[in-house]
Protein backbone atom coordinates (compact mmCIF):
# COMPACT_ATOMS: atom_id res chain seq x y z
CA MET A 1 62.98 -9.44 -15.43
CA GLY A 2 61.52 -9.03 -12.04
CA ARG A 3 60.02 -5.62 -13.06
CA LEU A 4 58.47 -7.17 -16.12
CA GLN A 5 56.87 -9.90 -14.00
CA SER A 6 55.40 -7.29 -11.64
CA VAL A 7 53.87 -5.39 -14.58
CA VAL A 8 52.39 -8.59 -16.11
CA ALA A 9 51.04 -9.62 -12.62
CA LEU A 10 49.58 -6.15 -12.17
CA GLY A 11 47.93 -6.20 -15.59
CA LEU A 12 46.43 -9.50 -14.93
CA LEU A 13 44.94 -8.31 -11.67
CA VAL A 14 43.48 -5.29 -13.37
CA LEU A 15 41.86 -7.47 -16.01
CA LEU A 16 40.53 -9.85 -13.31
CA CYS A 17 39.03 -6.86 -11.42
CA CYS A 18 37.50 -5.49 -14.56
CA SER A 19 35.79 -8.85 -15.33
CA PHE A 20 33.68 -8.40 -12.32
CA ILE A 21 32.46 -4.91 -13.18
CA ARG A 22 29.07 -4.78 -14.72
CA THR A 23 27.06 -1.89 -15.94
CA VAL A 24 24.49 -0.72 -13.34
CA GLU A 25 20.99 -1.29 -14.64
CA GLY A 26 17.58 -0.38 -13.13
CA GLY A 27 15.08 -3.04 -12.17
CA LYS A 28 11.82 -3.84 -13.89
CA ILE A 29 8.98 -3.15 -11.37
CA LEU A 30 5.30 -4.16 -11.88
CA VAL A 31 3.12 -1.62 -10.03
CA MET A 32 -0.38 -2.56 -9.16
CA PRO A 33 -1.87 0.31 -7.24
CA MET A 34 -5.21 1.12 -5.83
CA ASP A 35 -7.23 3.78 -7.53
CA GLY A 36 -8.50 7.04 -5.98
CA SER A 37 -6.52 8.89 -3.27
CA HIS A 38 -4.36 5.88 -2.77
CA TRP A 39 -2.92 6.42 -6.15
CA PHE A 40 -1.74 9.96 -5.51
CA SER A 41 0.66 8.70 -2.79
CA ILE A 42 2.14 5.77 -4.52
CA LYS A 43 2.52 7.76 -7.63
CA ILE A 44 5.18 9.84 -5.87
CA LEU A 45 7.26 6.70 -5.29
CA VAL A 46 6.61 5.42 -8.85
CA GLU A 47 7.85 8.69 -10.47
CA GLU A 48 10.87 8.81 -8.14
CA LEU A 49 11.88 5.23 -8.89
CA SER A 50 11.32 6.05 -12.58
CA GLN A 51 13.82 8.88 -12.41
CA LYS A 52 16.31 6.59 -10.81
CA GLY A 53 16.33 4.53 -13.95
CA HIS A 54 13.90 1.70 -13.12
CA GLU A 55 11.41 0.51 -15.65
CA MET A 56 8.00 1.09 -14.07
CA VAL A 57 4.96 -0.63 -15.44
CA VAL A 58 1.68 0.63 -13.89
CA LEU A 59 -1.19 -1.77 -14.38
CA PHE A 60 -4.60 -0.13 -14.11
CA PRO A 61 -8.23 -1.10 -14.87
CA GLU A 62 -9.43 0.80 -17.90
CA ILE A 63 -12.35 2.29 -15.71
CA SER A 64 -10.68 4.36 -13.03
CA LEU A 65 -10.79 7.73 -11.36
CA ASN A 66 -7.37 9.14 -11.57
CA ILE A 67 -5.45 7.24 -14.15
CA GLN A 68 -3.02 9.50 -15.96
CA ASP A 69 0.12 9.28 -18.19
CA GLY A 70 3.31 9.99 -16.50
CA ASN A 71 6.98 9.05 -16.36
CA TYR A 72 6.18 5.40 -16.49
CA ILE A 73 4.68 2.71 -18.75
CA LEU A 74 0.92 2.57 -18.42
CA GLU A 75 -1.14 -0.52 -19.20
CA THR A 76 -4.83 -1.11 -18.76
CA PHE A 77 -7.09 -4.08 -18.71
CA LYS A 78 -10.82 -4.31 -19.23
CA THR A 79 -13.31 -4.52 -16.33
CA PRO A 80 -16.95 -5.74 -16.20
CA PHE A 81 -18.19 -2.49 -14.53
CA THR A 82 -18.86 0.79 -16.13
CA ARG A 83 -18.06 4.41 -15.28
CA ALA A 84 -21.54 4.90 -13.88
CA ASP A 85 -21.09 1.97 -11.62
CA LEU A 86 -17.84 3.33 -10.18
CA ASP A 87 -19.26 6.85 -9.81
CA ALA A 88 -22.32 5.41 -7.93
CA LEU A 89 -20.01 3.72 -5.49
CA MET A 90 -17.96 6.82 -4.86
CA ASP A 91 -21.15 8.80 -4.19
CA ASP A 92 -22.06 6.19 -1.63
CA PHE A 93 -18.65 6.62 -0.04
CA ALA A 94 -19.13 10.40 0.10
CA LYS A 95 -22.55 10.17 1.56
CA ILE A 96 -21.32 7.96 4.49
CA ILE A 97 -18.34 10.23 5.16
CA LEU A 98 -20.34 13.46 5.14
CA ASN A 99 -23.11 11.98 7.29
CA PHE A 100 -20.82 10.28 9.76
CA SER A 101 -22.51 8.89 12.94
CA VAL A 102 -20.84 6.69 15.57
CA SER A 103 -24.01 4.68 16.03
CA THR A 104 -24.24 3.76 12.43
CA SER A 105 -20.60 4.07 11.28
CA VAL A 106 -19.68 0.33 11.86
CA PHE A 107 -22.58 -1.20 9.99
CA GLU A 108 -22.54 1.43 7.20
CA HIS A 109 -18.79 1.06 6.65
CA PHE A 110 -19.21 -2.73 6.64
CA ARG A 111 -21.92 -2.59 4.06
CA LEU A 112 -19.96 -0.13 1.92
CA HIS A 113 -16.80 -2.35 2.22
CA MET A 114 -18.76 -5.37 1.21
CA ASN A 115 -20.00 -3.57 -2.01
CA PHE A 116 -16.48 -2.30 -2.76
CA THR A 117 -15.02 -5.74 -2.15
CA GLU A 118 -17.25 -7.12 -4.90
CA PHE A 119 -15.82 -4.39 -7.23
CA LYS A 120 -12.25 -5.24 -6.32
CA VAL A 121 -12.80 -8.99 -6.83
CA GLN A 122 -14.45 -8.39 -10.29
CA SER A 123 -11.60 -6.22 -11.25
CA CYS A 124 -8.97 -8.70 -10.20
CA GLU A 125 -10.85 -11.59 -12.01
CA SER A 126 -10.72 -9.48 -15.16
CA LEU A 127 -7.00 -9.25 -14.88
CA LEU A 128 -6.14 -12.77 -13.58
CA TYR A 129 -8.28 -14.61 -16.19
CA ASN A 130 -6.95 -12.51 -19.03
CA GLU A 131 -4.61 -15.13 -20.23
CA SER A 132 -2.79 -13.16 -23.01
CA LEU A 133 -2.15 -10.28 -20.60
CA MET A 134 -0.93 -12.45 -17.86
CA LYS A 135 1.36 -14.36 -20.12
CA SER A 136 2.78 -11.09 -21.51
CA LEU A 137 3.41 -9.82 -18.01
CA LYS A 138 5.09 -13.01 -16.87
CA GLU A 139 7.34 -13.04 -19.97
CA ARG A 140 8.58 -9.48 -19.43
CA GLY A 141 10.69 -10.82 -16.41
CA PHE A 142 9.80 -8.31 -13.61
CA ASP A 143 12.17 -8.21 -10.57
CA VAL A 144 9.55 -7.15 -8.03
CA ILE A 145 5.87 -6.21 -7.59
CA LEU A 146 4.97 -2.89 -5.89
CA THR A 147 1.29 -3.01 -4.83
CA ASP A 148 -1.34 -1.60 -2.53
CA PRO A 149 -2.77 -4.63 -0.68
CA PHE A 150 -6.12 -2.96 -0.43
CA LEU A 151 -6.60 -4.83 -3.72
CA PRO A 152 -5.88 -8.65 -3.77
CA CYS A 153 -4.51 -8.69 -7.35
CA GLY A 154 -0.89 -7.85 -6.53
CA SER A 155 -0.43 -10.46 -3.82
CA ILE A 156 -2.01 -13.20 -6.08
CA VAL A 157 0.05 -12.23 -9.14
CA ALA A 158 3.27 -12.12 -6.93
CA ASP A 159 2.68 -15.64 -5.82
CA ALA A 160 1.71 -16.85 -9.25
CA PHE A 161 4.78 -15.24 -10.80
CA SER A 162 7.07 -16.31 -7.84
CA LEU A 163 8.10 -12.58 -7.31
CA PRO A 164 8.94 -10.71 -4.17
CA VAL A 165 6.20 -8.19 -3.34
CA VAL A 166 6.53 -4.77 -1.77
CA TYR A 167 3.45 -3.39 0.00
CA PHE A 168 2.60 0.25 0.02
CA LEU A 169 -0.41 1.02 2.28
CA ARG A 170 -2.08 3.18 5.00
CA GLY A 171 -3.60 0.17 6.69
CA LEU A 172 -6.23 -2.42 6.09
CA THR A 173 -9.56 -3.08 7.69
CA CYS A 174 -9.41 -5.21 10.85
CA MET A 175 -5.61 -4.70 10.99
CA LEU A 176 -5.27 -7.58 8.64
CA ASP A 177 -1.98 -6.27 7.41
CA LEU A 178 -0.44 -6.27 10.89
CA ASP A 179 -2.02 -9.68 11.70
CA ALA A 180 -0.61 -11.07 8.46
CA ALA A 181 2.84 -9.82 9.22
CA GLN A 182 2.63 -11.43 12.62
CA CYS A 183 2.86 -8.22 14.63
CA PRO A 184 1.86 -8.60 18.23
CA LEU A 185 -1.58 -7.08 18.73
CA PRO A 186 -2.59 -7.76 22.31
CA PRO A 187 -6.16 -6.27 22.86
CA SER A 188 -5.13 -5.09 26.32
CA TYR A 189 -2.62 -2.70 24.87
CA VAL A 190 -3.51 -2.10 21.14
CA PRO A 191 -6.78 -0.11 20.69
CA ARG A 192 -9.11 -1.27 17.96
CA LEU A 193 -10.98 0.97 15.41
CA PHE A 194 -14.36 2.17 16.61
CA SER A 195 -13.65 1.18 20.20
CA GLY A 196 -12.98 4.80 21.23
CA ASN A 197 -10.16 3.65 23.42
CA ARG A 198 -6.72 5.15 23.72
CA ASP A 199 -3.36 3.33 23.86
CA VAL A 200 -3.64 3.50 27.75
CA MET A 201 -6.65 1.72 28.89
CA ASN A 202 -8.24 0.76 32.16
CA PHE A 203 -9.75 -2.61 32.86
CA PRO A 204 -13.36 -1.77 31.56
CA GLN A 205 -11.87 -0.27 28.38
CA ARG A 206 -9.73 -3.36 27.86
CA VAL A 207 -12.84 -5.56 28.21
CA LYS A 208 -14.55 -3.22 25.63
CA ASN A 209 -11.49 -3.58 23.34
CA MET A 210 -11.73 -7.37 23.54
CA ILE A 211 -15.36 -7.39 22.64
CA VAL A 212 -14.69 -5.21 19.60
CA VAL A 213 -11.94 -7.64 18.64
CA VAL A 214 -14.30 -10.70 18.77
CA PHE A 215 -17.15 -8.81 16.92
CA GLU A 216 -14.54 -7.39 14.34
CA SER A 217 -13.12 -10.86 13.61
CA TYR A 218 -16.61 -12.20 12.69
CA LEU A 219 -17.35 -9.24 10.31
CA CYS A 220 -13.91 -9.32 8.71
CA GLN A 221 -14.13 -13.07 8.05
CA MET A 222 -17.10 -12.28 5.87
CA LEU A 223 -15.45 -9.21 4.43
CA TYR A 224 -12.32 -11.10 3.23
CA SER A 225 -14.01 -14.36 2.31
CA ARG A 226 -14.28 -13.32 -1.27
CA PHE A 227 -10.52 -12.59 -1.26
CA ASP A 228 -9.86 -15.99 0.21
CA GLU A 229 -12.08 -17.72 -2.43
CA LEU A 230 -10.50 -15.88 -5.36
CA SER A 231 -6.92 -16.69 -4.13
CA SER A 232 -7.63 -20.38 -3.67
CA ARG A 233 -9.56 -20.61 -6.91
CA TYR A 234 -6.83 -18.99 -9.06
CA LEU A 235 -3.77 -20.43 -7.36
CA GLN A 236 -5.50 -23.87 -7.33
CA ARG A 237 -4.58 -24.55 -3.74
CA ASP A 238 -6.09 -23.97 -0.33
CA THR A 239 -4.85 -20.63 0.82
CA THR A 240 -6.22 -17.42 2.34
CA TYR A 241 -5.48 -13.80 1.50
CA LYS A 242 -3.92 -13.36 4.92
CA GLN A 243 -1.41 -16.03 4.04
CA LEU A 244 -0.54 -14.31 0.78
CA LEU A 245 -0.08 -11.03 2.68
CA GLY A 246 2.30 -12.67 5.14
CA GLN A 247 4.77 -13.33 2.26
CA GLY A 248 5.42 -9.59 1.77
CA ALA A 249 9.15 -8.82 1.60
CA ILE A 250 8.86 -5.13 2.62
CA TRP A 251 5.94 -3.14 4.09
CA LEU A 252 5.97 0.65 3.40
CA LEU A 253 3.52 2.00 5.89
CA ARG A 254 2.24 5.42 5.05
CA TYR A 255 1.88 6.82 8.56
CA ASP A 256 4.11 7.53 11.61
CA PHE A 257 3.75 7.42 15.39
CA THR A 258 3.11 11.01 15.84
CA TYR A 259 -0.40 10.39 14.66
CA GLU A 260 -0.87 6.67 15.24
CA TYR A 261 -0.89 4.90 18.61
CA PRO A 262 2.42 3.11 19.26
CA ARG A 263 2.43 -0.53 18.63
CA PRO A 264 4.95 -3.31 17.83
CA GLN A 265 6.23 -3.70 14.26
CA MET A 266 8.20 -6.26 12.42
CA PRO A 267 11.73 -5.59 11.07
CA ASN A 268 10.61 -5.48 7.46
CA MET A 269 8.18 -2.69 8.15
CA VAL A 270 9.20 0.91 7.33
CA THR A 271 7.05 3.98 8.26
CA ILE A 272 7.01 6.60 5.54
CA GLY A 273 4.42 8.91 6.97
CA GLY A 274 4.46 12.38 5.23
CA ILE A 275 5.63 10.91 1.90
CA ASN A 276 2.81 12.64 0.13
CA CYS A 277 3.42 16.03 1.87
CA ARG A 278 5.29 18.53 -0.19
CA LYS A 279 7.90 20.67 1.32
CA MET A 280 6.35 24.23 1.29
CA LYS A 281 8.19 27.41 0.53
CA ALA A 282 9.01 29.55 3.41
CA LEU A 283 6.63 32.43 4.21
CA PRO A 284 7.81 35.92 3.09
CA ALA A 285 9.43 38.01 6.02
CA ALA A 286 6.57 40.61 5.54
CA VAL A 287 3.81 37.96 6.32
CA ILE A 288 5.83 36.65 9.38
CA ASN A 289 6.09 40.30 10.72
CA VAL A 290 2.35 40.74 10.36
CA VAL A 291 1.63 37.67 12.31
CA TYR A 292 3.96 38.46 15.13
CA LEU A 293 2.55 42.01 15.27
CA TYR A 294 -0.85 40.54 15.60
CA LEU A 295 0.02 37.94 18.27
CA TYR A 296 1.82 40.46 20.50
CA SER A 297 -0.74 43.28 20.14
CA SER A 298 -4.00 41.35 20.41
CA PRO A 299 -5.28 41.06 24.03
CA GLU A 300 -7.57 38.15 23.01
CA VAL A 301 -4.45 36.13 21.99
CA LEU A 302 -2.53 37.06 25.05
């Protein structure tokens, strides 16, 4: 009798344990990437997550540079600009990069960013005010949004859908990403872009860095004002893009401190520098031997 009771008890315990076992299912992730070179990096993560069994829905404007089918679901939305408009903007980018000059870089970059900001706002408006598409996306029950915050759309949609958002980025103008995440950015220690300073500064360089911070804050207030206006208008409350960015659950930062100057980071920030660098095959032994032979026989090298 005692043995029978033990067997029954063991059977009930097994049934109880099995009742808590659920099949492992992948998540549903809405991906809202930035076009151009930004896409090539985040695409690696999208394809890897797709192979892990997650449902990846990539939302792109119909006019884009590098949109391609892949191991994910691709959805597009209409935009008010044409392919010619986008090509003209990219040509403008190329001219500034190829004719880089320290004396004109700040103002040229600001002008270009203002033009590009208008493109991004128009693209986001086309998505946000597409009621049928937005309703369809919300009803699909996504678990999380993966986005490049270089575009404001992902942050706004995440807030509207009450979804956690994961940011994938290299960095934002004026270090808005670090400021929004409440990272310490003391001007005496963290050099600003275009200041020419290093992470170790003397007193005059710190003063120069502070001047750049003040000047930069004025320019960036104008630069992100359109993002702020769009966020407040669509969400129907007084908010800023910086406040929306501050709600990020995880920040995937596409750099590491072998290249960047060291600076404080928050616990939800993860550096993933080199994610877009493929592991190369080892050089053949014959090539290595030729290199060694050249190095040890050339008097110029020695």
